[in-house]
Amino acid sequence: TATVVMTPNADSTKAITFSFQVLAAAAPVIREIYPKSGSADGGSSVKLSVANLLSVSAVADVAVTFADVEATVTKLNCVAAASGSAGKSDCTLFANTPTVTTFGASNVVVTPQGSTADAVTGTFTYFKPCAYASFCPQGSTVDQQRLQLSPPKSATCSVKYCMRCPNTEPSISYLYP
């Protein structure tokens, strides 16, 4: 609480006194991370919803790291902060996860305008990717395009990422007499 005394023309008999409370600006916070996990191979598009970011209006205004490795921010949409804090924005951004060598829970850090004092942290879990080259059945190949367009959401291997190679020569398996 602050008290202000105004004295016109140095006449203390006409002084006006009033008090007001100074509120701290709302701190930035990550409200949503989706999905919450991805392969350590990277490349997953992750949606981050962050409230009360300071001075953010373009992709270049924000940096994102996963497990201390810089991510690529691909899209950003900000509106004036619902908290009413001047100069702050509520933002939804999309970032592509980088390749990492660690597995398990890691920090996701969103830093506006390079200001580490205003950085906000959340959690993203990296899982060890499936070794599809050895997992896919014999005669199949790994569907790299599907892996990129629809990355796995867990460490469990799935045959949907394996595709059969078409035979290049017809074969006759049985002849009728």
Protein backbone atom coordinates (compact mmCIF):
# COMPACT_ATOMS: atom_id res chain seq x y z
CA THR A 1 0.00 0.00 0.00
CA ALA A 2 1.27 3.45 -0.91
CA THR A 3 0.11 6.78 0.50
CA VAL A 4 0.25 9.96 -1.56
CA VAL A 5 -0.04 13.44 -0.07
CA MET A 6 -0.70 16.33 -2.46
CA THR A 7 -0.09 19.84 -1.12
CA PRO A 8 -1.18 22.62 -3.53
CA ASN A 9 1.05 25.72 -3.48
CA ALA A 10 2.82 24.38 -0.37
CA ASP A 11 -0.32 25.12 1.69
CA SER A 12 -0.53 22.21 4.13
CA THR A 13 -4.07 23.22 5.16
CA LYS A 14 -5.29 22.19 1.68
CA ALA A 15 -3.36 18.90 1.53
CA ILE A 16 -5.11 15.87 0.06
CA THR A 17 -4.13 12.38 1.17
CA PHE A 18 -5.08 9.12 -0.49
CA SER A 19 -3.83 5.53 -0.41
CA PHE A 20 -3.71 2.86 -3.07
CA GLN A 21 -2.46 -0.68 -3.38
CA VAL A 22 0.21 -1.52 -5.94
CA LEU A 23 -0.38 -4.94 -7.50
CA ALA A 24 2.40 -6.99 -9.00
CA ALA A 25 2.03 -7.79 -12.70
CA ALA A 26 0.74 -11.27 -13.44
CA ALA A 27 3.62 -13.72 -13.90
CA PRO A 28 3.89 -15.72 -17.12
CA VAL A 29 2.65 -19.31 -16.93
CA ILE A 30 2.40 -22.26 -19.33
CA ARG A 31 -1.25 -23.32 -19.36
CA GLU A 32 -1.00 -26.20 -21.86
CA ILE A 33 1.61 -28.40 -23.53
CA TYR A 34 0.20 -30.78 -26.16
CA PRO A 35 1.27 -33.44 -26.70
CA LYS A 36 3.11 -33.86 -23.41
CA SER A 37 5.59 -36.38 -24.83
CA GLY A 38 7.48 -37.22 -28.01
CA SER A 39 10.32 -39.21 -29.51
CA ALA A 40 13.92 -38.29 -28.74
CA ASP A 41 14.34 -38.26 -32.54
CA GLY A 42 12.56 -34.88 -32.44
CA GLY A 43 10.32 -33.44 -35.13
CA SER A 44 7.07 -33.48 -33.13
CA SER A 45 4.94 -30.34 -33.39
CA VAL A 46 4.06 -29.22 -29.86
CA LYS A 47 1.37 -26.68 -28.97
CA LEU A 48 2.26 -24.39 -26.07
CA SER A 49 -0.35 -22.07 -24.54
CA VAL A 50 1.34 -19.40 -22.42
CA ALA A 51 -0.32 -16.60 -20.47
CA ASN A 52 1.20 -13.21 -19.64
CA LEU A 53 4.19 -13.18 -21.99
CA LEU A 54 5.91 -9.81 -22.12
CA SER A 55 6.39 -8.03 -25.48
CA VAL A 56 5.64 -10.93 -27.84
CA SER A 57 4.02 -10.32 -31.22
CA ALA A 58 6.10 -12.33 -33.74
CA VAL A 59 7.90 -15.68 -33.92
CA ALA A 60 11.24 -13.85 -33.63
CA ASP A 61 10.13 -12.43 -30.24
CA VAL A 62 10.19 -15.79 -28.46
CA ALA A 63 12.65 -18.65 -27.95
CA VAL A 64 11.71 -22.19 -26.93
CA THR A 65 14.01 -24.93 -25.67
CA PHE A 66 13.34 -28.59 -24.90
CA ALA A 67 15.92 -30.26 -22.61
CA ASP A 68 18.19 -27.21 -23.11
CA VAL A 69 18.16 -27.66 -26.91
CA GLU A 70 16.68 -24.86 -29.05
CA ALA A 71 13.43 -25.71 -30.85
CA THR A 72 12.05 -24.17 -34.02
CA VAL A 73 8.98 -22.01 -33.38
CA THR A 74 6.73 -22.39 -36.43
CA LYS A 75 3.60 -20.45 -35.52
CA LEU A 76 2.56 -17.82 -32.99
CA ASN A 77 -0.81 -16.26 -32.19
CA CYS A 78 -1.09 -13.70 -29.37
CA VAL A 79 -3.89 -11.57 -27.91
CA ALA A 80 -3.87 -9.01 -25.10
CA ALA A 81 -3.47 -10.79 -21.77
CA ALA A 82 -6.71 -11.66 -20.00
CA SER A 83 -5.02 -10.59 -16.75
CA GLY A 84 -5.10 -7.00 -18.02
CA SER A 85 -1.37 -6.57 -17.46
CA ALA A 86 -0.06 -3.85 -19.78
CA GLY A 87 2.35 -5.05 -22.47
CA LYS A 88 1.60 -8.72 -21.81
CA SER A 89 0.02 -11.25 -24.15
CA ASP A 90 -1.65 -14.64 -23.94
CA CYS A 91 -0.05 -16.70 -26.71
CA THR A 92 -0.47 -20.03 -28.44
CA LEU A 93 2.65 -21.13 -30.22
CA PHE A 94 3.78 -24.25 -32.05
CA ALA A 95 7.35 -25.52 -31.86
CA ASN A 96 9.06 -28.52 -33.44
CA THR A 97 10.91 -30.58 -30.87
CA PRO A 98 14.66 -30.92 -31.40
CA THR A 99 16.56 -34.20 -31.37
CA VAL A 100 17.90 -35.00 -27.90
CA THR A 101 20.03 -37.75 -26.39
CA THR A 102 18.23 -37.97 -23.05
CA PHE A 103 14.97 -39.73 -22.21
CA GLY A 104 12.33 -38.99 -19.60
CA ALA A 105 10.97 -35.71 -18.25
CA SER A 106 12.73 -32.56 -19.38
CA ASN A 107 12.17 -28.84 -19.11
CA VAL A 108 10.42 -26.84 -21.81
CA VAL A 109 11.41 -23.18 -21.48
CA VAL A 110 9.64 -20.31 -23.25
CA THR A 111 11.66 -17.09 -23.19
CA PRO A 112 10.18 -13.82 -24.51
CA GLN A 113 12.53 -11.33 -26.23
CA GLY A 114 15.60 -13.06 -24.78
CA SER A 115 14.58 -11.96 -21.27
CA THR A 116 15.50 -14.89 -19.01
CA ALA A 117 13.86 -13.08 -16.09
CA ASP A 118 10.49 -13.50 -17.83
CA ALA A 119 11.08 -17.11 -18.95
CA VAL A 120 8.50 -19.74 -18.03
CA THR A 121 9.06 -23.47 -17.61
CA GLY A 122 6.96 -26.58 -18.16
CA THR A 123 7.58 -30.33 -18.59
CA PHE A 124 7.85 -32.45 -21.75
CA THR A 125 8.73 -36.16 -21.69
CA TYR A 126 11.04 -37.65 -24.31
CA PHE A 127 10.83 -41.38 -25.01
CA LYS A 128 13.32 -43.65 -26.72
CA PRO A 129 12.20 -44.14 -30.31
CA CYS A 130 11.35 -47.57 -31.68
CA ALA A 131 14.08 -49.14 -33.83
CA TYR A 132 11.74 -49.64 -36.80
CA ALA A 133 14.50 -50.90 -39.11
CA SER A 134 14.76 -54.04 -36.96
CA PHE A 135 11.12 -54.07 -35.79
CA CYS A 136 9.39 -54.17 -39.19
CA PRO A 137 8.74 -57.71 -40.51
CA GLN A 138 11.08 -59.18 -43.08
CA GLY A 139 10.16 -57.97 -46.56
CA SER A 140 8.90 -54.64 -45.18
CA THR A 141 10.49 -51.22 -45.04
CA VAL A 142 10.05 -48.33 -42.66
CA ASP A 143 7.46 -45.80 -43.84
CA GLN A 144 9.57 -42.66 -43.29
CA GLN A 145 6.88 -40.36 -44.67
CA ARG A 146 4.31 -41.61 -42.16
CA LEU A 147 6.84 -41.30 -39.33
CA GLN A 148 7.37 -37.64 -40.23
CA LEU A 149 3.73 -36.73 -40.88
CA SER A 150 2.30 -38.61 -37.91
CA PRO A 151 5.05 -39.23 -35.33
CA PRO A 152 4.56 -41.98 -32.72
CA LYS A 153 3.06 -40.86 -29.43
CA SER A 154 4.82 -43.48 -27.30
CA ALA A 155 7.86 -45.76 -27.24
CA THR A 156 5.71 -48.72 -28.28
CA CYS A 157 6.48 -49.90 -31.81
CA SER A 158 3.54 -50.04 -34.25
CA VAL A 159 3.32 -51.93 -37.54
CA LYS A 160 1.49 -48.96 -39.08
CA TYR A 161 4.97 -47.47 -39.63
CA CYS A 162 6.06 -50.52 -41.65
CA MET A 163 5.13 -50.95 -45.29
CA ARG A 164 5.43 -53.87 -47.62
CA CYS A 165 7.73 -53.57 -50.58
CA PRO A 166 5.96 -54.46 -53.80
CA ASN A 167 7.45 -57.40 -55.64
CA THR A 168 9.14 -56.25 -58.78
CA GLU A 169 8.84 -59.62 -60.51
CA PRO A 170 5.75 -61.76 -60.56
CA SER A 171 6.20 -65.16 -59.00
CA ILE A 172 4.36 -68.39 -59.63
CA SER A 173 3.80 -70.29 -56.46
CA TYR A 174 1.72 -73.18 -57.87
CA LEU A 175 0.97 -74.51 -61.32
CA TYR A 176 -2.11 -76.53 -62.18
CA PRO A 177 -1.55 -79.55 -64.50
